Protein backbone atom coordinates (compact mmCIF):
# COMPACT_ATOMS: atom_id res chain seq x y z
CA MET A 1 -12.05 -38.39 6.39
CA ARG A 2 -9.79 -36.67 3.73
CA GLY A 3 -6.92 -34.18 4.09
CA PRO A 4 -6.55 -31.15 3.53
CA ILE A 5 -5.52 -29.73 0.11
CA SER A 6 -2.27 -28.90 -0.73
CA GLU A 7 -0.74 -25.37 -2.46
CA ASP A 8 0.57 -27.60 -5.07
CA THR A 9 -3.46 -29.02 -5.43
CA LEU A 10 -4.42 -25.80 -5.85
CA ALA A 11 -1.91 -24.73 -8.11
CA ARG A 12 -2.87 -27.55 -10.50
CA ALA A 13 -6.39 -26.86 -10.41
CA LEU A 14 -5.69 -23.05 -11.40
CA ALA A 15 -3.91 -24.20 -14.20
CA GLY A 16 -5.82 -26.91 -14.99
CA GLY A 17 -8.95 -24.60 -15.17
CA VAL A 18 -10.46 -26.40 -12.74
CA LEU A 19 -10.88 -23.99 -9.67
CA THR A 20 -10.92 -19.60 -10.87
CA ALA A 21 -8.36 -17.79 -9.30
CA ASP A 22 -10.49 -16.08 -7.35
CA GLN A 23 -12.50 -19.59 -5.60
CA VAL A 24 -8.34 -20.44 -5.16
CA GLU A 25 -8.35 -16.93 -2.74
CA ALA A 26 -11.97 -17.69 -1.61
CA LEU A 27 -10.66 -20.97 -0.16
CA HIS A 28 -7.38 -18.96 0.99
CA ALA A 29 -10.01 -16.53 2.78
CA LEU A 30 -12.01 -18.75 4.04
CA GLU A 31 -9.01 -21.84 5.35
CA GLN A 32 -7.62 -18.43 7.32
CA GLU A 33 -10.81 -16.95 8.62
CA GLY A 34 -11.97 -20.72 9.89
CA SER A 35 -10.81 -21.46 14.02
CA PRO A 36 -9.80 -24.15 15.86
CA PRO A 37 -12.86 -25.67 18.75
CA GLY A 38 -12.37 -23.80 21.58
CA SER A 39 -10.90 -20.68 20.11
CA SER A 40 -12.36 -17.16 21.44
CA GLY A 41 -12.15 -13.43 19.57
CA PRO A 42 -13.41 -12.36 16.46
CA ALA A 43 -11.92 -12.82 13.23
CA ASP A 44 -9.35 -10.08 11.96
CA SER A 45 -10.99 -9.23 8.41
CA GLU A 46 -7.80 -7.08 7.20
CA GLN A 47 -5.95 -10.26 6.26
CA PHE A 48 -4.37 -10.69 2.74
CA ARG A 49 -1.18 -13.32 1.28
CA PHE A 50 1.59 -11.59 2.11
CA ILE A 51 4.00 -15.40 2.55
CA THR A 52 2.64 -19.45 2.26
CA GLY A 53 5.90 -20.12 3.94
CA PHE A 54 9.62 -20.33 4.34
CA GLY A 55 9.65 -21.17 1.14
CA ASP A 56 8.57 -17.74 0.00
CA ILE A 57 12.20 -15.54 1.65
CA PHE A 58 14.50 -18.05 -0.10
CA VAL A 59 13.01 -17.45 -2.98
CA THR A 60 12.81 -14.09 -2.45
CA ILE A 61 16.59 -13.89 -1.64
CA GLY A 62 17.17 -15.86 -4.93
CA LEU A 63 15.73 -12.95 -6.81
CA ALA A 64 17.31 -10.12 -4.79
CA LEU A 65 20.68 -11.99 -5.39
CA PHE A 66 19.91 -12.26 -9.66
CA LEU A 67 18.70 -9.76 -10.30
CA GLY A 68 20.72 -7.41 -8.35
CA ALA A 69 23.98 -9.74 -10.39
CA LEU A 70 21.68 -9.23 -13.51
CA THR A 71 21.56 -5.25 -13.69
CA TYR A 72 25.19 -4.75 -12.47
CA PHE A 73 26.60 -6.41 -15.65
CA ALA A 74 23.73 -5.90 -17.62
CA ARG A 75 24.40 -1.86 -17.18
CA GLY A 76 27.94 -2.13 -18.07
CA PHE A 77 26.77 -3.95 -21.84
CA ILE A 78 23.71 -2.27 -22.48
CA GLY A 79 23.77 0.91 -20.30
CA ASP A 80 21.57 1.48 -17.42
CA ALA A 81 18.01 1.97 -19.14
CA GLY A 82 19.02 -1.30 -21.37
CA ALA A 83 19.70 -2.55 -18.25
CA ARG A 84 16.33 -1.45 -17.07
CA LEU A 85 14.77 -2.99 -19.55
CA ALA A 86 16.62 -6.10 -19.19
CA THR A 87 15.55 -6.28 -15.30
CA ALA A 88 11.72 -5.98 -15.99
CA ALA A 89 12.43 -8.77 -18.21
CA ALA A 90 13.71 -11.02 -16.22
CA CYS A 91 11.23 -10.07 -13.50
CA TRP A 92 8.75 -11.31 -16.32
CA LEU A 93 9.91 -14.42 -17.39
CA LEU A 94 10.61 -15.63 -13.74
CA ALA A 95 6.57 -14.39 -12.78
CA GLU A 96 5.81 -16.79 -15.05
CA TYR A 97 7.17 -19.82 -13.37
CA PHE A 98 6.93 -18.50 -9.39
CA THR A 99 3.49 -16.32 -10.15
CA ARG A 100 1.67 -18.04 -12.68
CA GLN A 101 2.81 -21.62 -11.38
CA ARG A 102 4.05 -21.83 -7.84
CA ARG A 103 1.47 -18.89 -7.06
CA MET A 104 4.17 -17.66 -3.96
CA ALA A 105 2.74 -14.51 -2.99
CA LEU A 106 6.26 -12.52 -1.60
CA PRO A 107 8.27 -13.40 -4.53
CA SER A 108 4.99 -12.22 -6.49
CA ILE A 109 4.78 -9.02 -4.88
CA VAL A 110 8.85 -8.45 -5.55
CA LEU A 111 9.02 -9.96 -9.05
CA LEU A 112 5.81 -7.04 -9.50
CA LEU A 113 7.91 -4.06 -8.07
CA VAL A 114 10.83 -4.67 -9.33
CA PHE A 115 9.05 -4.24 -12.77
CA ALA A 116 7.67 -1.51 -12.42
CA VAL A 117 10.57 0.55 -11.07
CA SER A 118 12.75 -0.67 -13.49
CA ILE A 119 10.39 0.15 -16.52
CA PHE A 120 9.47 3.59 -14.91
CA LEU A 121 13.68 4.68 -14.59
CA SER A 122 14.01 2.80 -18.16
CA ILE A 123 12.57 6.21 -18.97
CA ALA A 124 12.84 8.85 -16.35
CA ASP A 125 15.55 9.94 -14.30
CA PRO A 126 15.79 7.41 -11.27
CA ARG A 127 15.98 11.34 -9.29
CA GLN A 128 12.25 11.74 -10.65
CA LEU A 129 10.89 8.53 -9.02
CA ALA A 130 10.90 9.78 -5.39
CA SER A 131 10.95 13.67 -5.79
CA VAL A 132 7.17 12.74 -7.38
CA PHE A 133 5.98 11.90 -3.69
CA SER A 134 8.99 13.92 -1.71
CA LEU A 135 6.46 17.44 -2.47
CA GLY A 136 9.63 19.38 -1.57
CA ILE A 137 11.54 18.92 -5.11
CA ASP A 138 10.52 19.54 -8.30
CA VAL A 139 9.73 17.74 -10.92
CA SER A 140 9.89 19.17 -14.72
CA GLY A 141 10.48 17.11 -18.22
CA TRP A 142 7.79 14.87 -20.30
CA PRO A 143 10.19 11.70 -19.75
CA ALA A 144 8.11 11.45 -15.95
CA VAL A 145 4.70 11.82 -17.49
CA LEU A 146 5.99 9.19 -19.95
CA ALA A 147 7.80 7.35 -17.69
CA GLY A 148 4.46 7.00 -15.76
CA LEU A 149 2.03 6.51 -18.61
CA VAL A 150 4.00 3.69 -20.04
CA THR A 151 4.56 2.07 -16.23
CA ALA A 152 1.11 2.07 -15.88
CA ALA A 153 -0.03 0.60 -19.60
CA ALA A 154 2.90 -2.46 -18.45
CA THR A 155 1.12 -3.02 -15.39
CA ALA A 156 -2.25 -3.59 -16.67
CA LEU A 157 -0.77 -6.33 -18.89
CA HIS A 158 1.17 -7.74 -16.10
CA TYR A 159 -2.13 -8.22 -14.14
CA LEU A 160 -3.91 -9.24 -17.44
CA ARG A 161 -1.49 -12.15 -17.61
CA PHE A 162 -0.22 -12.69 -13.73
CA ARG A 163 -3.41 -11.15 -11.93
CA VAL A 164 -1.19 -10.32 -8.63
CA PRO A 165 -3.35 -7.78 -6.35
CA ILE A 166 -0.56 -5.17 -5.56
CA THR A 167 -0.15 -4.87 -9.53
CA ILE A 168 -2.96 -2.22 -9.21
CA ALA A 169 -1.53 -0.08 -6.42
CA ALA A 170 1.51 0.34 -8.72
CA GLY A 171 -0.50 1.07 -11.76
CA ALA A 172 -1.78 3.78 -9.13
CA ALA A 173 1.32 5.06 -8.57
CA ALA A 174 2.32 5.36 -11.76
CA LEU A 175 -1.13 7.39 -12.99
CA VAL A 176 -0.07 9.71 -9.54
CA ALA A 177 3.41 10.34 -10.84
CA SER A 178 2.40 11.35 -14.68
CA ILE A 179 -0.27 13.38 -13.25
CA VAL A 180 1.94 15.35 -10.77
CA ALA A 181 4.64 15.49 -13.06
CA LEU A 182 2.68 16.68 -16.21
CA PHE A 183 1.13 19.80 -13.85
CA VAL A 184 4.30 21.14 -12.96
CA LEU A 185 5.35 20.45 -17.09
CA LEU A 186 2.59 22.85 -17.64
CA ALA A 187 2.19 25.32 -14.91
CA PRO A 188 5.29 25.56 -13.43
CA ASP A 189 4.14 28.76 -11.48
CA LEU A 190 1.95 27.43 -10.34
CA ALA A 191 3.40 24.37 -8.85
CA SER A 192 4.77 25.40 -5.07
CA ARG A 193 1.63 26.59 -4.32
CA ALA A 194 -0.59 23.35 -6.11
CA THR A 195 1.27 20.40 -6.26
CA VAL A 196 0.62 19.48 -2.59
CA PRO A 197 -3.56 20.12 -2.88
CA LEU A 198 -3.03 18.23 -7.07
CA ILE A 199 -1.38 14.97 -3.85
CA PHE A 200 -4.02 15.16 -1.73
CA VAL A 201 -6.79 15.05 -4.82
CA CYS A 202 -4.91 11.78 -6.25
CA GLY A 203 -4.91 10.38 -2.83
CA ILE A 204 -8.05 10.99 -2.42
CA GLY A 205 -8.57 9.48 -5.55
CA VAL A 206 -6.90 5.95 -5.03
CA PHE A 207 -8.83 5.76 -1.56
CA ALA A 208 -12.36 6.02 -3.82
CA LEU A 209 -10.73 3.23 -6.07
CA ALA A 210 -9.51 1.46 -3.05
CA MET A 211 -13.18 2.14 -1.60
CA ARG A 212 -14.83 0.61 -5.25
CA PHE A 213 -12.97 -2.64 -4.30
CA ASP A 214 -13.88 -3.18 -0.68
CA LEU A 215 -17.40 -2.16 -1.17
CA SER A 216 -18.20 -4.64 -4.48
CA ASP A 217 -16.43 -7.27 -1.16
CA PRO A 218 -17.41 -6.71 2.32
CA ALA A 219 -17.14 -9.92 3.89
CA ARG A 220 -13.16 -10.15 2.00
CA GLN A 221 -13.34 -13.22 0.55
CA THR A 222 -12.26 -12.83 -3.05
CA ARG A 223 -8.65 -11.03 -4.53
CA ARG A 224 -10.42 -7.86 -4.46
CA THR A 225 -9.67 -7.53 -1.04
CA ASP A 226 -6.07 -7.95 -1.38
CA ILE A 227 -6.24 -5.31 -4.27
CA ALA A 228 -8.15 -2.63 -1.34
CA PHE A 229 -5.55 -3.35 0.66
CA TRP A 230 -2.37 -2.08 -1.33
CA LEU A 231 -4.64 0.95 -2.82
CA HIS A 232 -5.59 1.72 0.32
CA MET A 233 -1.55 1.42 1.71
CA LEU A 234 -1.07 3.96 -1.76
CA ALA A 235 -3.35 6.33 -0.89
CA ALA A 236 -2.83 6.85 3.17
CA PRO A 237 0.78 8.71 2.44
CA LEU A 238 -0.79 10.42 0.13
CA ILE A 239 -3.54 11.83 2.09
CA VAL A 240 -2.59 11.96 5.37
CA HIS A 241 1.01 14.00 4.32
CA PRO A 242 -0.62 16.59 2.60
CA LEU A 243 -2.60 17.67 5.60
CA VAL A 244 -0.49 17.38 7.39
CA SER A 245 2.73 18.89 5.85
CA GLY A 246 1.68 22.99 6.11
CA PHE A 247 1.06 22.04 9.34
CA VAL A 248 4.74 20.28 10.53
CA GLY A 249 6.69 22.06 7.80
CA GLY A 250 10.49 21.28 9.10
CA GLY A 251 9.45 19.80 12.34
CA SER A 252 8.87 22.26 14.62
CA LEU A 253 5.02 22.89 15.95
CA ASP A 254 3.78 25.48 18.31
CA THR A 255 0.92 24.20 20.56
CA ALA A 256 -1.84 24.96 18.17
CA SER A 257 -0.77 23.17 15.29
CA ALA A 258 0.41 20.53 17.28
CA LEU A 259 -3.43 20.10 17.96
CA ALA A 260 -4.82 20.31 14.59
CA VAL A 261 -2.32 17.80 13.87
CA LEU A 262 -3.49 15.16 16.62
CA THR A 263 -7.60 16.74 15.09
CA ILE A 264 -6.73 15.09 11.96
CA PHE A 265 -5.21 12.27 13.55
CA ILE A 266 -8.03 11.56 15.19
CA ALA A 267 -10.19 12.49 12.50
CA LEU A 268 -7.99 9.42 10.57
CA SER A 269 -8.79 7.25 13.36
CA LEU A 270 -12.62 7.48 12.56
CA VAL A 271 -11.93 6.94 8.72
CA ALA A 272 -9.91 3.80 9.60
CA LEU A 273 -12.34 2.25 11.88
CA ILE A 274 -15.51 2.86 9.46
CA VAL A 275 -13.76 1.09 6.78
CA ASP A 276 -11.82 -0.96 9.09
CA ARG A 277 -8.50 -0.72 7.41
CA ARG A 278 -5.25 0.67 9.34
CA ALA A 279 -2.76 1.96 6.16
CA ILE A 280 -4.38 5.70 7.52
CA LEU A 281 -3.30 5.17 11.15
CA VAL A 282 0.40 3.74 10.26
CA ALA A 283 1.10 6.72 8.04
CA GLY A 284 -0.23 9.52 10.67
CA LEU A 285 1.46 8.12 13.32
CA SER A 286 4.39 10.01 12.84
CA TYR A 287 2.73 13.02 12.53
CA ALA A 288 0.70 12.33 15.95
CA GLY A 289 4.55 11.49 17.53
CA ILE A 290 5.44 14.99 16.52
CA ALA A 291 2.40 16.69 17.68
CA PHE A 292 2.40 14.86 21.17
CA GLY A 293 5.65 15.71 21.80
CA THR A 294 5.52 19.13 21.21
CA LEU A 295 2.88 19.56 23.16
CA VAL A 296 5.20 17.71 26.34
CA ALA A 297 7.76 19.98 25.45
CA ASN A 298 5.56 23.02 25.05
CA ALA A 299 4.17 21.62 28.85
CA GLY A 300 7.73 21.97 30.21
CA LEU A 301 8.82 18.32 30.85
CA THR A 302 11.79 18.89 28.16
CA SER A 303 14.03 15.61 29.77
CA GLY A 304 12.59 11.98 28.64
CA THR A 305 10.41 13.60 25.28
CA VAL A 306 10.77 11.31 22.88
CA PRO A 307 10.57 8.07 25.50
CA LEU A 308 7.49 9.36 26.75
CA THR A 309 6.75 9.93 23.58
CA LEU A 310 7.64 6.83 21.93
CA LEU A 311 5.63 5.42 24.88
CA VAL A 312 2.20 6.95 24.33
CA LEU A 313 1.97 6.34 21.10
CA GLY A 314 3.26 2.19 21.35
CA ALA A 315 0.05 2.36 24.19
CA LEU A 316 -1.89 4.03 22.03
CA VAL A 317 -1.15 1.36 18.75
CA LEU A 318 -1.89 -1.56 21.82
CA LEU A 319 -5.19 0.02 22.66
CA LEU A 320 -6.71 0.29 19.41
CA SER A 321 -5.59 -3.06 17.91
CA ALA A 322 -7.30 -4.27 20.83
CA GLY A 323 -10.27 -2.48 21.00
CA TRP A 324 -10.37 -2.56 17.40
CA HIS A 325 -13.60 -4.26 17.18
CA GLY A 326 -14.89 -3.09 19.73
CA LEU A 327 -14.79 0.53 18.91
CA ARG A 328 -16.30 -0.77 15.35
CA ARG A 329 -19.35 -2.35 17.19
CA LEU A 330 -20.05 1.61 18.69
CA LEU A 331 -19.34 3.58 15.42
CA LEU A 332 -21.06 1.19 12.29
CA PRO A 333 -24.66 2.08 14.58
CA LEU A 334 -24.39 5.77 14.26
CA LEU A 335 -23.86 4.89 10.69
CA PRO A 336 -26.08 5.31 7.49
CA VAL A 337 -27.87 1.16 7.53
CA ALA A 338 -27.40 1.62 3.45
CA LEU A 339 -23.73 2.41 4.28
CA VAL A 340 -23.38 -0.19 7.13
CA ARG A 341 -24.40 -3.19 4.78
CA ARG A 342 -21.47 -2.19 2.52
CA LEU A 343 -18.75 -2.64 5.22
CA PRO A 344 -17.02 -5.22 6.69
CA PRO A 345 -19.76 -6.30 9.88
CA HIS A 346 -18.46 -5.67 13.07
CA THR A 347 -18.23 -8.94 15.09
């Protein structure tokens, strides 16, 4: 009986055209889904490649040291913008080996993120990268608009070359930044009232794109499911934060607002169960904690509010984790059959 195929053999098969990238991803998914005899419990369909071994961590540490030092020294010779472009070029060249040849998951993710951020910051002011998604800081000027568009184009070229799943989410984030910055620039009088709804609409758009990838691969065996995972990670804060920011405000809630936030969290939980993606729940946990803490304090239990809130949130996460598949078995039969057929099956 022949032994398992090594990562090096798969990489050479990919480079030689024996296997396509989707076929390699499908083989990885099939290997992850397999379980040894005697094992029990449903398989988790929300899987993605993040690390293939300690070599990924070792290489990532080296990348952080090298790119950080490169940016520091380049800044002294060619300025901030030039240093960031040099860093982006270095990320591309390093990806030629660690991504295209070695197919290392974590280094590929880090190289893509540093590449995208470096491109954006080479055009826009660094403060604008955070301000686009902060909901409370003004974004003005064409540099942020141009930076988002250029970054989206650069990440598209990066994806065509390296096929790293997170690249689509990085490009989508750059486009959202451009859209928000352009709106603030063209309609400054409306920015204070309409920026939050605009970010929510952008989040719905990213979520729809993620579902497009998810629905095309309900078995979650190809690269499309990894692309969808990262898009869901981007969509979750864009949707959740605008929904509840009006209730939370500066962090204090009344009882009615706290109940409204918990109702939103329950609704998002149902969506997460239906699509079998937990990112929305993670994005909403902090707000659920604030809301529950408010209810506890308003009930007169002023001592131990924070530990009790953490205890309840932890218990909620553990209960959802343990009962995730059972809840989906109860929920999916209530939905239209045509939709259920395109969703990950309940196990």
